[in-house]
Amino acid sequence: QVDLLESGGGLVHAGDSLRLSCAFPGRTFSNYAVAWFRQAPGKEREFVAAITWLGGTTNSAASPEDRFTISRDNAKTTVSLQLSKLKPEDSALYYCAATLSRGSWYSTKEDDYDHWGQGTQVTVSS
């Protein structure tokens, strides 16, 4: 179901930064694992990073933590993805996804998430 709301995408130059945000209207992310995925034109959607219910984080090898930092506010109303030192190959539609979870569980597979946003576009020019 598409019930998450992403924001923060845009057109930037290589080397710039962006901060993407994901909200769950009417709810909080308490008891949820949340992940970011991205999909570039002509490519499959891929995992970027996730944050567990306990607050632990993990990144894909293609999206290292020093450039893609996932975080959550203390009230658990927003999950953010800080994008730094952006490259043209980072251009994609970025999606937020969430699912009820416990403890340190997370998944890199999109099929394991049942709440999604419509995506926010990030375009990086060279």
PDB file of N, CA and C in Angstrom:
ATOM      1  N   GLN A   1       0.839  -1.178   0.000  1.00  0.00           N
ATOM      2  CA  GLN A   1       0.000   0.000   0.000  1.00  0.00           C
ATOM      3  C   GLN A   1       0.882   1.238   0.000  1.00  0.00           C
ATOM      4  N   VAL A   2       0.433   2.234  -0.749  1.00  0.00           N
ATOM      5  CA  VAL A   2       1.188   3.475  -0.877  1.00  0.00           C
ATOM      6  C   VAL A   2       0.620   4.463   0.125  1.00  0.00           C
ATOM      7  N   ASP A   3       1.247   4.566   1.282  1.00  0.00           N
ATOM      8  CA  ASP A   3       0.755   5.462   2.324  1.00  0.00           C
ATOM      9  C   ASP A   3       1.865   6.188   3.057  1.00  0.00           C
ATOM     10  N   LEU A   4       3.054   6.165   2.520  1.00  0.00           N
ATOM     11  CA  LEU A   4       4.153   6.957   3.056  1.00  0.00           C
ATOM     12  C   LEU A   4       4.359   8.176   2.169  1.00  0.00           C
ATOM     13  N   LEU A   5       4.956   9.201   2.728  1.00  0.00           N
ATOM     14  CA  LEU A   5       5.132  10.454   2.006  1.00  0.00           C
ATOM     15  C   LEU A   5       6.592  10.868   2.021  1.00  0.00           C
ATOM     16  N   GLU A   6       7.218  10.835   0.829  1.00  0.00           N
ATOM     17  CA  GLU A   6       8.607  11.285   0.715  1.00  0.00           C
ATOM     18  C   GLU A   6       8.661  12.737   0.264  1.00  0.00           C
ATOM     19  N   SER A   7       9.758  13.393   0.603  1.00  0.00           N
ATOM     20  CA  SER A   7       9.991  14.758   0.139  1.00  0.00           C
ATOM     21  C   SER A   7      11.491  15.010   0.133  1.00  0.00           C
ATOM     22  N   GLY A   8      11.892  16.104  -0.528  1.00  0.00           N
ATOM     23  CA  GLY A   8      13.284  16.526  -0.478  1.00  0.00           C
ATOM     24  C   GLY A   8      14.099  16.295  -1.730  1.00  0.00           C
ATOM     25  N   GLY A   9      13.518  15.626  -2.722  1.00  0.00           N
ATOM     26  CA  GLY A   9      14.268  15.398  -3.946  1.00  0.00           C
ATOM     27  C   GLY A   9      14.451  16.687  -4.729  1.00  0.00           C
ATOM     28  N   GLY A  10      15.263  16.615  -5.781  1.00  0.00           N
ATOM     29  CA  GLY A  10      15.466  17.786  -6.612  1.00  0.00           C
ATOM     30  C   GLY A  10      16.586  17.592  -7.604  1.00  0.00           C
ATOM     31  N   LEU A  11      16.906  18.690  -8.301  1.00  0.00           N
ATOM     32  CA  LEU A  11      17.991  18.718  -9.283  1.00  0.00           C
ATOM     33  C   LEU A  11      19.194  19.418  -8.664  1.00  0.00           C
ATOM     34  N   VAL A  12      20.309  18.715  -8.595  1.00  0.00           N
ATOM     35  CA  VAL A  12      21.518  19.274  -7.977  1.00  0.00           C
ATOM     36  C   VAL A  12      22.716  18.990  -8.871  1.00  0.00           C
ATOM     37  N   HIS A  13      23.843  19.599  -8.520  1.00  0.00           N
ATOM     38  CA  HIS A  13      25.088  19.367  -9.236  1.00  0.00           C
ATOM     39  C   HIS A  13      25.900  18.270  -8.542  1.00  0.00           C
ATOM     40  N   ALA A  14      26.776  17.646  -9.291  1.00  0.00           N
ATOM     41  CA  ALA A  14      27.659  16.645  -8.703  1.00  0.00           C
ATOM     42  C   ALA A  14      28.426  17.272  -7.536  1.00  0.00           C
ATOM     43  N   GLY A  15      28.522  16.529  -6.434  1.00  0.00           N
ATOM     44  CA  GLY A  15      29.202  17.011  -5.249  1.00  0.00           C
ATOM     45  C   GLY A  15      28.281  17.656  -4.224  1.00  0.00           C
ATOM     46  N   ASP A  16      27.068  17.975  -4.639  1.00  0.00           N
ATOM     47  CA  ASP A  16      26.103  18.598  -3.728  1.00  0.00           C
ATOM     48  C   ASP A  16      25.496  17.578  -2.774  1.00  0.00           C
ATOM     49  N   SER A  17      24.677  18.090  -1.866  1.00  0.00           N
ATOM     50  CA  SER A  17      23.990  17.242  -0.889  1.00  0.00           C
ATOM     51  C   SER A  17      22.483  17.474  -0.967  1.00  0.00           C
ATOM     52  N   LEU A  18      21.739  16.471  -0.540  1.00  0.00           N
ATOM     53  CA  LEU A  18      20.279  16.564  -0.422  1.00  0.00           C
ATOM     54  C   LEU A  18      19.854  15.785   0.811  1.00  0.00           C
ATOM     55  N   ARG A  19      18.745  16.204   1.386  1.00  0.00           N
ATOM     56  CA  ARG A  19      18.194  15.459   2.511  1.00  0.00           C
ATOM     57  C   ARG A  19      16.768  15.048   2.155  1.00  0.00           C
ATOM     58  N   LEU A  20      16.547  13.754   2.062  1.00  0.00           N
ATOM     59  CA  LEU A  20      15.232  13.212   1.780  1.00  0.00           C
ATOM     60  C   LEU A  20      14.538  12.875   3.094  1.00  0.00           C
ATOM     61  N   SER A  21      13.234  13.072   3.128  1.00  0.00           N
ATOM     62  CA  SER A  21      12.463  12.775   4.330  1.00  0.00           C
ATOM     63  C   SER A  21      11.303  11.856   3.990  1.00  0.00           C
ATOM     64  N   CYS A  22      10.930  11.052   4.964  1.00  0.00           N
ATOM     65  CA  CYS A  22       9.812  10.119   4.808  1.00  0.00           C
ATOM     66  C   CYS A  22       8.927  10.229   6.038  1.00  0.00           C
ATOM     67  N   ALA A  23       7.649  10.466   5.816  1.00  0.00           N
ATOM     68  CA  ALA A  23       6.683  10.560   6.902  1.00  0.00           C
ATOM     69  C   ALA A  23       5.575   9.531   6.719  1.00  0.00           C
ATOM     70  N   PHE A  24       4.924   9.206   7.831  1.00  0.00           N
ATOM     71  CA  PHE A  24       3.842   8.223   7.849  1.00  0.00           C
ATOM     72  C   PHE A  24       2.596   8.961   8.353  1.00  0.00           C
ATOM     73  N   PRO A  25       1.864   9.607   7.454  1.00  0.00           N
ATOM     74  CA  PRO A  25       0.750  10.458   7.866  1.00  0.00           C
ATOM     75  C   PRO A  25      -0.230   9.756   8.809  1.00  0.00           C
ATOM     76  N   GLY A  26      -0.470  10.389   9.962  1.00  0.00           N
ATOM     77  CA  GLY A  26      -1.404   9.828  10.922  1.00  0.00           C
ATOM     78  C   GLY A  26      -0.813   8.795  11.854  1.00  0.00           C
ATOM     79  N   ARG A  27       0.462   8.437  11.617  1.00  0.00           N
ATOM     80  CA  ARG A  27       1.109   7.422  12.449  1.00  0.00           C
ATOM     81  C   ARG A  27       2.538   7.850  12.755  1.00  0.00           C
ATOM     82  N   THR A  28       3.225   7.035  13.527  1.00  0.00           N
ATOM     83  CA  THR A  28       4.664   7.194  13.720  1.00  0.00           C
ATOM     84  C   THR A  28       5.337   5.906  13.270  1.00  0.00           C
ATOM     85  N   PHE A  29       6.670   5.946  13.232  1.00  0.00           N
ATOM     86  CA  PHE A  29       7.430   4.774  12.834  1.00  0.00           C
ATOM     87  C   PHE A  29       7.797   3.875  14.017  1.00  0.00           C
ATOM     88  N   SER A  30       7.136   4.074  15.135  1.00  0.00           N
ATOM     89  CA  SER A  30       7.344   3.164  16.256  1.00  0.00           C
ATOM     90  C   SER A  30       6.961   1.749  15.828  1.00  0.00           C
ATOM     91  N   ASN A  31       7.810   0.790  16.150  1.00  0.00           N
ATOM     92  CA  ASN A  31       7.579  -0.613  15.817  1.00  0.00           C
ATOM     93  C   ASN A  31       7.711  -0.920  14.328  1.00  0.00           C
ATOM     94  N   TYR A  32       8.343  -0.030  13.584  1.00  0.00           N
ATOM     95  CA  TYR A  32       8.552  -0.262  12.164  1.00  0.00           C
ATOM     96  C   TYR A  32      10.042  -0.278  11.823  1.00  0.00           C
ATOM     97  N   ALA A  33      10.405  -1.145  10.894  1.00  0.00           N
ATOM     98  CA  ALA A  33      11.692  -1.024  10.217  1.00  0.00           C
ATOM     99  C   ALA A  33      11.422  -0.219   8.956  1.00  0.00           C
ATOM    100  N   VAL A  34      12.330   0.686   8.636  1.00  0.00           N
ATOM    101  CA  VAL A  34      12.152   1.580   7.501  1.00  0.00           C
ATOM    102  C   VAL A  34      13.373   1.503   6.600  1.00  0.00           C
ATOM    103  N   ALA A  35      13.136   1.489   5.312  1.00  0.00           N
ATOM    104  CA  ALA A  35      14.242   1.407   4.363  1.00  0.00           C
ATOM    105  C   ALA A  35      14.050   2.416   3.236  1.00  0.00           C
ATOM    106  N   TRP A  36      15.156   2.723   2.601  1.00  0.00           N
ATOM    107  CA  TRP A  36      15.133   3.512   1.371  1.00  0.00           C
ATOM    108  C   TRP A  36      15.621   2.619   0.235  1.00  0.00           C
ATOM    109  N   PHE A  37      14.911   2.722  -0.881  1.00  0.00           N
ATOM    110  CA  PHE A  37      15.300   2.053  -2.113  1.00  0.00           C
ATOM    111  C   PHE A  37      15.398   3.124  -3.201  1.00  0.00           C
ATOM    112  N   ARG A  38      16.030   2.788  -4.308  1.00  0.00           N
ATOM    113  CA  ARG A  38      16.071   3.710  -5.434  1.00  0.00           C
ATOM    114  C   ARG A  38      15.981   2.936  -6.736  1.00  0.00           C
ATOM    115  N   GLN A  39      15.458   3.616  -7.746  1.00  0.00           N
ATOM    116  CA  GLN A  39      15.332   3.000  -9.058  1.00  0.00           C
ATOM    117  C   GLN A  39      15.707   4.003 -10.135  1.00  0.00           C
ATOM    118  N   ALA A  40      16.755   3.681 -10.866  1.00  0.00           N
ATOM    119  CA  ALA A  40      17.191   4.505 -11.982  1.00  0.00           C
ATOM    120  C   ALA A  40      16.482   4.024 -13.252  1.00  0.00           C
ATOM    121  N   PRO A  41      16.355   4.884 -14.254  1.00  0.00           N
ATOM    122  CA  PRO A  41      15.688   4.489 -15.497  1.00  0.00           C
ATOM    123  C   PRO A  41      16.324   3.250 -16.117  1.00  0.00           C
ATOM    124  N   GLY A  42      15.499   2.280 -16.464  1.00  0.00           N
ATOM    125  CA  GLY A  42      15.987   1.063 -17.096  1.00  0.00           C
ATOM    126  C   GLY A  42      16.635   0.071 -16.161  1.00  0.00           C
ATOM    127  N   LYS A  43      16.617   0.367 -14.863  1.00  0.00           N
ATOM    128  CA  LYS A  43      17.243  -0.542 -13.897  1.00  0.00           C
ATOM    129  C   LYS A  43      16.221  -1.007 -12.877  1.00  0.00           C
ATOM    130  N   GLU A  44      16.556  -2.085 -12.176  1.00  0.00           N
ATOM    131  CA  GLU A  44      15.678  -2.580 -11.125  1.00  0.00           C
ATOM    132  C   GLU A  44      15.826  -1.717  -9.870  1.00  0.00           C
ATOM    133  N   ARG A  45      14.784  -1.747  -9.061  1.00  0.00           N
ATOM    134  CA  ARG A  45      14.846  -1.030  -7.800  1.00  0.00           C
ATOM    135  C   ARG A  45      15.863  -1.709  -6.889  1.00  0.00           C
ATOM    136  N   GLU A  46      16.685  -0.914  -6.211  1.00  0.00           N
ATOM    137  CA  GLU A  46      17.733  -1.473  -5.371  1.00  0.00           C
ATOM    138  C   GLU A  46      17.693  -0.878  -3.969  1.00  0.00           C
ATOM    139  N   PHE A  47      18.132  -1.669  -3.028  1.00  0.00           N
ATOM    140  CA  PHE A  47      18.197  -1.276  -1.625  1.00  0.00           C
ATOM    141  C   PHE A  47      19.298  -0.235  -1.417  1.00  0.00           C
ATOM    142  N   VAL A  48      19.009   0.764  -0.602  1.00  0.00           N
ATOM    143  CA  VAL A  48      19.993   1.788  -0.276  1.00  0.00           C
ATOM    144  C   VAL A  48      20.415   1.676   1.183  1.00  0.00           C
ATOM    145  N   ALA A  49      19.466   1.779   2.099  1.00  0.00           N
ATOM    146  CA  ALA A  49      19.781   1.765   3.526  1.00  0.00           C
ATOM    147  C   ALA A  49      18.515   1.447   4.314  1.00  0.00           C
ATOM    148  N   ALA A  50      18.721   1.002   5.551  1.00  0.00           N
ATOM    149  CA  ALA A  50      17.589   0.685   6.419  1.00  0.00           C
ATOM    150  C   ALA A  50      17.903   1.062   7.852  1.00  0.00           C
ATOM    151  N   ILE A  51      16.847   1.318   8.611  1.00  0.00           N
ATOM    152  CA  ILE A  51      16.978   1.566  10.038  1.00  0.00           C
ATOM    153  C   ILE A  51      15.979   0.657  10.751  1.00  0.00           C
ATOM    154  N   THR A  52      16.451  -0.039  11.779  1.00  0.00           N
ATOM    155  CA  THR A  52      15.609  -1.003  12.479  1.00  0.00           C
ATOM    156  C   THR A  52      14.753  -0.319  13.535  1.00  0.00           C
ATOM    157  N   TRP A  53      13.852  -1.087  14.100  1.00  0.00           N
ATOM    158  CA  TRP A  53      12.991  -0.563  15.163  1.00  0.00           C
ATOM    159  C   TRP A  53      13.830  -0.057  16.342  1.00  0.00           C
ATOM    160  N   LEU A  54      14.952  -0.739  16.592  1.00  0.00           N
ATOM    161  CA  LEU A  54      15.831  -0.348  17.695  1.00  0.00           C
ATOM    162  C   LEU A  54      16.737   0.824  17.331  1.00  0.00           C
ATOM    163  N   GLY A  55      16.773   1.168  16.047  1.00  0.00           N
ATOM    164  CA  GLY A  55      17.586   2.308  15.642  1.00  0.00           C
ATOM    165  C   GLY A  55      18.908   1.954  14.989  1.00  0.00           C
ATOM    166  N   GLY A  56      19.198   0.668  14.854  1.00  0.00           N
ATOM    167  CA  GLY A  56      20.400   0.268  14.150  1.00  0.00           C
ATOM    168  C   GLY A  56      20.257   0.533  12.662  1.00  0.00           C
ATOM    169  N   THR A  57      21.381   0.811  12.005  1.00  0.00           N
ATOM    170  CA  THR A  57      21.324   1.131  10.581  1.00  0.00           C
ATOM    171  C   THR A  57      22.228   0.224   9.778  1.00  0.00           C
ATOM    172  N   THR A  58      21.898   0.091   8.492  1.00  0.00           N
ATOM    173  CA  THR A  58      22.736  -0.677   7.590  1.00  0.00           C
ATOM    174  C   THR A  58      22.627  -0.069   6.203  1.00  0.00           C
ATOM    175  N   ASN A  59      23.689  -0.193   5.431  1.00  0.00           N
ATOM    176  CA  ASN A  59      23.738   0.357   4.065  1.00  0.00           C
ATOM    177  C   ASN A  59      24.150  -0.727   3.088  1.00  0.00           C
ATOM    178  N   SER A  60      23.762  -0.522   1.825  1.00  0.00           N
ATOM    179  CA  SER A  60      24.256  -1.408   0.794  1.00  0.00           C
ATOM    180  C   SER A  60      25.683  -1.009   0.453  1.00  0.00           C
ATOM    181  N   ALA A  61      26.406  -1.928  -0.164  1.00  0.00           N
ATOM    182  CA  ALA A  61      27.780  -1.638  -0.557  1.00  0.00           C
ATOM    183  C   ALA A  61      27.824  -0.522  -1.603  1.00  0.00           C
ATOM    184  N   ALA A  62      26.792  -0.443  -2.408  1.00  0.00           N
ATOM    185  CA  ALA A  62      26.754   0.571  -3.468  1.00  0.00           C
ATOM    186  C   ALA A  62      26.351   1.942  -2.939  1.00  0.00           C
ATOM    187  N   SER A  63      25.878   1.969  -1.719  1.00  0.00           N
ATOM    188  CA  SER A  63      25.430   3.232  -1.102  1.00  0.00           C
ATOM    189  C   SER A  63      26.067   3.343   0.283  1.00  0.00           C
ATOM    190  N   PRO A  64      27.337   3.632   0.358  1.00  0.00           N
ATOM    191  CA  PRO A  64      28.050   3.619   1.633  1.00  0.00           C
ATOM    192  C   PRO A  64      27.561   4.685   2.601  1.00  0.00           C
ATOM    193  N   GLU A  65      27.734   4.390   3.863  1.00  0.00           N
ATOM    194  CA  GLU A  65      27.206   5.256   4.918  1.00  0.00           C
ATOM    195  C   GLU A  65      27.809   6.660   4.887  1.00  0.00           C
ATOM    196  N   ASP A  66      29.027   6.791   4.407  1.00  0.00           N
ATOM    197  CA  ASP A  66      29.632   8.132   4.412  1.00  0.00           C
ATOM    198  C   ASP A  66      28.983   9.045   3.378  1.00  0.00           C
ATOM    199  N   ARG A  67      28.214   8.476   2.440  1.00  0.00           N
ATOM    200  CA  ARG A  67      27.503   9.316   1.478  1.00  0.00           C
ATOM    201  C   ARG A  67      25.984   9.197   1.615  1.00  0.00           C
ATOM    202  N   PHE A  68      25.496   8.099   2.176  1.00  0.00           N
ATOM    203  CA  PHE A  68      24.054   7.886   2.349  1.00  0.00           C
ATOM    204  C   PHE A  68      23.805   7.552   3.810  1.00  0.00           C
ATOM    205  N   THR A  69      23.321   8.532   4.559  1.00  0.00           N
ATOM    206  CA  THR A  69      23.132   8.349   5.992  1.00  0.00           C
ATOM    207  C   THR A  69      21.654   8.346   6.332  1.00  0.00           C
ATOM    208  N   ILE A  70      21.183   7.221   6.863  1.00  0.00           N
ATOM    209  CA  ILE A  70      19.778   7.110   7.264  1.00  0.00           C
ATOM    210  C   ILE A  70      19.662   7.431   8.742  1.00  0.00           C
ATOM    211  N   SER A  71      18.598   8.121   9.108  1.00  0.00           N
ATOM    212  CA  SER A  71      18.391   8.475  10.506  1.00  0.00           C
ATOM    213  C   SER A  71      16.902   8.625  10.785  1.00  0.00           C
ATOM    214  N   ARG A  72      16.581   8.712  12.064  1.00  0.00           N
ATOM    215  CA  ARG A  72      15.179   8.836  12.475  1.00  0.00           C
ATOM    216  C   ARG A  72      15.112   9.832  13.622  1.00  0.00           C
ATOM    217  N   ASP A  73      14.085  10.677  13.638  1.00  0.00           N
ATOM    218  CA  ASP A  73      13.977  11.644  14.726  1.00  0.00           C
ATOM    219  C   ASP A  73      13.503  10.951  15.992  1.00  0.00           C
ATOM    220  N   ASN A  74      13.720  11.583  17.128  1.00  0.00           N
ATOM    221  CA  ASN A  74      13.416  10.955  18.418  1.00  0.00           C
ATOM    222  C   ASN A  74      11.932  10.624  18.573  1.00  0.00           C
ATOM    223  N   ALA A  75      11.087  11.418  17.968  1.00  0.00           N
ATOM    224  CA  ALA A  75       9.650  11.171  18.067  1.00  0.00           C
ATOM    225  C   ALA A  75       9.191  10.085  17.101  1.00  0.00           C
ATOM    226  N   LYS A  76      10.115   9.627  16.262  1.00  0.00           N
ATOM    227  CA  LYS A  76       9.831   8.566  15.289  1.00  0.00           C
ATOM    228  C   LYS A  76       8.748   8.964  14.295  1.00  0.00           C
ATOM    229  N   THR A  77       8.690  10.256  13.969  1.00  0.00           N
ATOM    230  CA  THR A  77       7.708  10.703  12.991  1.00  0.00           C
ATOM    231  C   THR A  77       8.297  10.810  11.594  1.00  0.00           C
ATOM    232  N   THR A  78       9.619  10.878  11.510  1.00  0.00           N
ATOM    233  CA  THR A  78      10.279  11.071  10.218  1.00  0.00           C
ATOM    234  C   THR A  78      11.542  10.223  10.136  1.00  0.00           C
ATOM    235  N   VAL A  79      11.749   9.610   8.994  1.00  0.00           N
ATOM    236  CA  VAL A  79      13.010   8.935   8.690  1.00  0.00           C
ATOM    237  C   VAL A  79      13.648   9.691   7.536  1.00  0.00           C
ATOM    238  N   SER A  80      14.900  10.030   7.700  1.00  0.00           N
ATOM    239  CA  SER A  80      15.594  10.838   6.695  1.00  0.00           C
ATOM    240  C   SER A  80      16.720  10.051   6.034  1.00  0.00           C
ATOM    241  N   LEU A  81      17.064  10.478   4.849  1.00  0.00           N
ATOM    242  CA  LEU A  81      18.223   9.944   4.145  1.00  0.00           C
ATOM    243  C   LEU A  81      19.048  11.135   3.673  1.00  0.00           C
ATOM    244  N   GLN A  82      20.198  11.323   4.294  1.00  0.00           N
ATOM    245  CA  GLN A  82      21.110  12.401   3.915  1.00  0.00           C
ATOM    246  C   GLN A  82      21.998  11.900   2.792  1.00  0.00           C
ATOM    247  N   LEU A  83      21.933  12.564   1.649  1.00  0.00           N
ATOM    248  CA  LEU A  83      22.757  12.217   0.486  1.00  0.00           C
ATOM    249  C   LEU A  83      23.872  13.243   0.367  1.00  0.00           C
ATOM    250  N   SER A  84      25.102  12.788   0.316  1.00  0.00           N
ATOM    251  CA  SER A  84      26.248  13.690   0.257  1.00  0.00           C
ATOM    252  C   SER A  84      27.145  13.314  -0.917  1.00  0.00           C
ATOM    253  N   LYS A  85      27.936  14.300  -1.345  1.00  0.00           N
ATOM    254  CA  LYS A  85      28.895  14.076  -2.435  1.00  0.00           C
ATOM    255  C   LYS A  85      28.214  13.348  -3.598  1.00  0.00           C
ATOM    256  N   LEU A  86      27.093  13.867  -4.017  1.00  0.00           N
ATOM    257  CA  LEU A  86      26.282  13.186  -5.013  1.00  0.00           C
ATOM    258  C   LEU A  86      26.991  13.087  -6.353  1.00  0.00           C
ATOM    259  N   LYS A  87      26.720  11.979  -7.041  1.00  0.00           N
ATOM    260  CA  LYS A  87      27.295  11.700  -8.354  1.00  0.00           C
ATOM    261  C   LYS A  87      26.154  11.548  -9.365  1.00  0.00           C
ATOM    262  N   PRO A  88      26.427  11.770 -10.632  1.00  0.00           N
ATOM    263  CA  PRO A  88      25.365  11.591 -11.632  1.00  0.00           C
ATOM    264  C   PRO A  88      24.724  10.208 -11.577  1.00  0.00           C
ATOM    265  N   GLU A  89      25.504   9.191 -11.246  1.00  0.00           N
ATOM    266  CA  GLU A  89      24.957   7.835 -11.179  1.00  0.00           C
ATOM    267  C   GLU A  89      24.039   7.620  -9.979  1.00  0.00           C
ATOM    268  N   ASP A  90      23.959   8.601  -9.089  1.00  0.00           N
ATOM    269  CA  ASP A  90      23.006   8.534  -7.972  1.00  0.00           C
ATOM    270  C   ASP A  90      21.610   8.986  -8.395  1.00  0.00           C
ATOM    271  N   SER A  91      21.487   9.494  -9.606  1.00  0.00           N
ATOM    272  CA  SER A  91      20.193   9.958 -10.096  1.00  0.00           C
ATOM    273  C   SER A  91      19.213   8.786 -10.156  1.00  0.00           C
ATOM    274  N   ALA A  92      18.059   8.965  -9.526  1.00  0.00           N
ATOM    275  CA  ALA A  92      17.074   7.886  -9.452  1.00  0.00           C
ATOM    276  C   ALA A  92      15.823   8.400  -8.757  1.00  0.00           C
ATOM    277  N   LEU A  93      14.793   7.571  -8.799  1.00  0.00           N
ATOM    278  CA  LEU A  93      13.604   7.815  -7.994  1.00  0.00           C
ATOM    279  C   LEU A  93      13.828   7.092  -6.665  1.00  0.00           C
ATOM    280  N   TYR A  94      13.801   7.836  -5.586  1.00  0.00           N
ATOM    281  CA  TYR A  94      14.084   7.283  -4.271  1.00  0.00           C
ATOM    282  C   TYR A  94      12.771   7.016  -3.541  1.00  0.00           C
ATOM    283  N   TYR A  95      12.636   5.785  -3.042  1.00  0.00           N
ATOM    284  CA  TYR A  95      11.426   5.347  -2.351  1.00  0.00           C
ATOM    285  C   TYR A  95      11.704   5.055  -0.882  1.00  0.00           C
ATOM    286  N   CYS A  96      10.731   5.387  -0.056  1.00  0.00           N
ATOM    287  CA  CYS A  96      10.728   5.007   1.337  1.00  0.00           C
ATOM    288  C   CYS A  96       9.799   3.800   1.499  1.00  0.00           C
ATOM    289  N   ALA A  97      10.172   2.853   2.360  1.00  0.00           N
ATOM    290  CA  ALA A  97       9.358   1.668   2.601  1.00  0.00           C
ATOM    291  C   ALA A  97       9.407   1.315   4.078  1.00  0.00           C
ATOM    292  N   ALA A  98       8.333   0.712   4.591  1.00  0.00           N
ATOM    293  CA  ALA A  98       8.283   0.371   6.009  1.00  0.00           C
ATOM    294  C   ALA A  98       7.481  -0.900   6.220  1.00  0.00           C
ATOM    295  N   THR A  99       7.778  -1.574   7.333  1.00  0.00           N
ATOM    296  CA  THR A  99       7.009  -2.740   7.728  1.00  0.00           C
ATOM    297  C   THR A  99       7.117  -2.920   9.240  1.00  0.00           C
ATOM    298  N   LEU A 100       6.073  -3.461   9.846  1.00  0.00           N
ATOM    299  CA  LEU A 100       6.106  -3.729  11.280  1.00  0.00           C
ATOM    300  C   LEU A 100       7.223  -4.711  11.581  1.00  0.00           C
ATOM    301  N   SER A 101       7.933  -4.468  12.669  1.00  0.00           N
ATOM    302  CA  SER A 101       9.059  -5.331  12.976  1.00  0.00           C
ATOM    303  C   SER A 101       9.351  -5.304  14.467  1.00  0.00           C
ATOM    304  N   ARG A 102      10.316  -6.093  14.870  1.00  0.00           N
ATOM    305  CA  ARG A 102      10.787  -6.120  16.246  1.00  0.00           C
ATOM    306  C   ARG A 102      12.306  -6.119  16.261  1.00  0.00           C
ATOM    307  N   GLY A 103      12.847  -5.542  17.304  1.00  0.00           N
ATOM    308  CA  GLY A 103      14.273  -5.655  17.551  1.00  0.00           C
ATOM    309  C   GLY A 103      15.137  -5.120  16.434  1.00  0.00           C
ATOM    310  N   SER A 104      16.098  -5.914  16.046  1.00  0.00           N
ATOM    311  CA  SER A 104      17.102  -5.493  15.078  1.00  0.00           C
ATOM    312  C   SER A 104      16.810  -6.000  13.671  1.00  0.00           C
ATOM    313  N   TRP A 105      15.579  -6.425  13.418  1.00  0.00           N
ATOM    314  CA  TRP A 105      15.225  -6.939  12.097  1.00  0.00           C
ATOM    315  C   TRP A 105      15.241  -5.853  11.046  1.00  0.00           C
ATOM    316  N   TYR A 106      15.751  -6.192   9.877  1.00  0.00           N
ATOM    317  CA  TYR A 106      15.600  -5.356   8.699  1.00  0.00           C
ATOM    318  C   TYR A 106      15.711  -6.271   7.486  1.00  0.00           C
ATOM    319  N   SER A 107      15.388  -5.754   6.334  1.00  0.00           N
ATOM    320  CA  SER A 107      15.507  -6.532   5.113  1.00  0.00           C
ATOM    321  C   SER A 107      15.990  -5.642   3.978  1.00  0.00           C
ATOM    322  N   THR A 108      16.722  -6.240   3.064  1.00  0.00           N
ATOM    323  CA  THR A 108      17.161  -5.539   1.861  1.00  0.00           C
ATOM    324  C   THR A 108      16.251  -5.853   0.681  1.00  0.00           C
ATOM    325  N   LYS A 109      15.218  -6.661   0.919  1.00  0.00           N
ATOM    326  CA  LYS A 109      14.320  -7.097  -0.159  1.00  0.00           C
ATOM    327  C   LYS A 109      13.036  -6.290  -0.144  1.00  0.00           C
ATOM    328  N   GLU A 110      12.673  -5.737  -1.294  1.00  0.00           N
ATOM    329  CA  GLU A 110      11.493  -4.881  -1.324  1.00  0.00           C
ATOM    330  C   GLU A 110      10.221  -5.646  -1.002  1.00  0.00           C
ATOM    331  N   ASP A 111      10.172  -6.928  -1.286  1.00  0.00           N
ATOM    332  CA  ASP A 111       8.970  -7.718  -1.014  1.00  0.00           C
ATOM    333  C   ASP A 111       8.669  -7.841   0.479  1.00  0.00           C
ATOM    334  N   ASP A 112       9.654  -7.559   1.323  1.00  0.00           N
ATOM    335  CA  ASP A 112       9.447  -7.652   2.767  1.00  0.00           C
ATOM    336  C   ASP A 112       8.824  -6.401   3.357  1.00  0.00           C
ATOM    337  N   TYR A 113       8.617  -5.388   2.551  1.00  0.00           N
ATOM    338  CA  TYR A 113       8.036  -4.135   3.030  1.00  0.00           C
ATOM    339  C   TYR A 113       6.637  -3.958   2.456  1.00  0.00           C
ATOM    340  N   ASP A 114       5.678  -3.566   3.279  1.00  0.00           N
ATOM    341  CA  ASP A 114       4.305  -3.469   2.801  1.00  0.00           C
ATOM    342  C   ASP A 114       3.743  -2.057   2.792  1.00  0.00           C
ATOM    343  N   HIS A 115       4.513  -1.086   3.242  1.00  0.00           N
ATOM    344  CA  HIS A 115       4.111   0.314   3.134  1.00  0.00           C
ATOM    345  C   HIS A 115       5.142   1.017   2.259  1.00  0.00           C
ATOM    346  N   TRP A 116       4.679   1.789   1.294  1.00  0.00           N
ATOM    347  CA  TRP A 116       5.566   2.461   0.349  1.00  0.00           C
ATOM    348  C   TRP A 116       5.116   3.882   0.090  1.00  0.00           C
ATOM    349  N   GLY A 117       6.064   4.696  -0.343  1.00  0.00           N
ATOM    350  CA  GLY A 117       5.744   6.014  -0.842  1.00  0.00           C
ATOM    351  C   GLY A 117       5.750   6.008  -2.355  1.00  0.00           C
ATOM    352  N   GLN A 118       5.394   7.135  -2.935  1.00  0.00           N
ATOM    353  CA  GLN A 118       5.360   7.238  -4.391  1.00  0.00           C
ATOM    354  C   GLN A 118       6.716   7.589  -4.981  1.00  0.00           C
ATOM    355  N   GLY A 119       7.650   7.945  -4.131  1.00  0.00           N
ATOM    356  CA  GLY A 119       9.003   8.235  -4.585  1.00  0.00           C
ATOM    357  C   GLY A 119       9.259   9.721  -4.737  1.00  0.00           C
ATOM    358  N   THR A 120      10.516  10.084  -4.592  1.00  0.00           N
ATOM    359  CA  THR A 120      10.943  11.458  -4.812  1.00  0.00           C
ATOM    360  C   THR A 120      12.163  11.417  -5.740  1.00  0.00           C
ATOM    361  N   GLN A 121      12.153  12.255  -6.766  1.00  0.00           N
ATOM    362  CA  GLN A 121      13.178  12.208  -7.805  1.00  0.00           C
ATOM    363  C   GLN A 121      14.423  12.964  -7.394  1.00  0.00           C
ATOM    364  N   VAL A 122      15.558  12.323  -7.558  1.00  0.00           N
ATOM    365  CA  VAL A 122      16.861  12.952  -7.361  1.00  0.00           C
ATOM    366  C   VAL A 122      17.581  12.913  -8.703  1.00  0.00           C
ATOM    367  N   THR A 123      17.958  14.086  -9.187  1.00  0.00           N
ATOM    368  CA  THR A 123      18.696  14.180 -10.446  1.00  0.00           C
ATOM    369  C   THR A 123      19.987  14.946 -10.196  1.00  0.00           C
ATOM    370  N   VAL A 124      21.109  14.331 -10.550  1.00  0.00           N
ATOM    371  CA  VAL A 124      22.417  14.920 -10.317  1.00  0.00           C
ATOM    372  C   VAL A 124      23.075  15.203 -11.662  1.00  0.00           C
ATOM    373  N   SER A 125      23.355  16.448 -11.918  1.00  0.00           N
ATOM    374  CA  SER A 125      24.008  16.824 -13.172  1.00  0.00           C
ATOM    375  C   SER A 125      25.521  16.850 -12.988  1.00  0.00           C
ATOM    376  N   SER A 126      26.228  16.573 -14.070  1.00  0.00           N
ATOM    377  CA  SER A 126      27.692  16.527 -13.991  1.00  0.00           C
ATOM    378  C   SER A 126      28.297  17.908 -14.195  1.00  0.00           C
TER     379      SER A 126
END
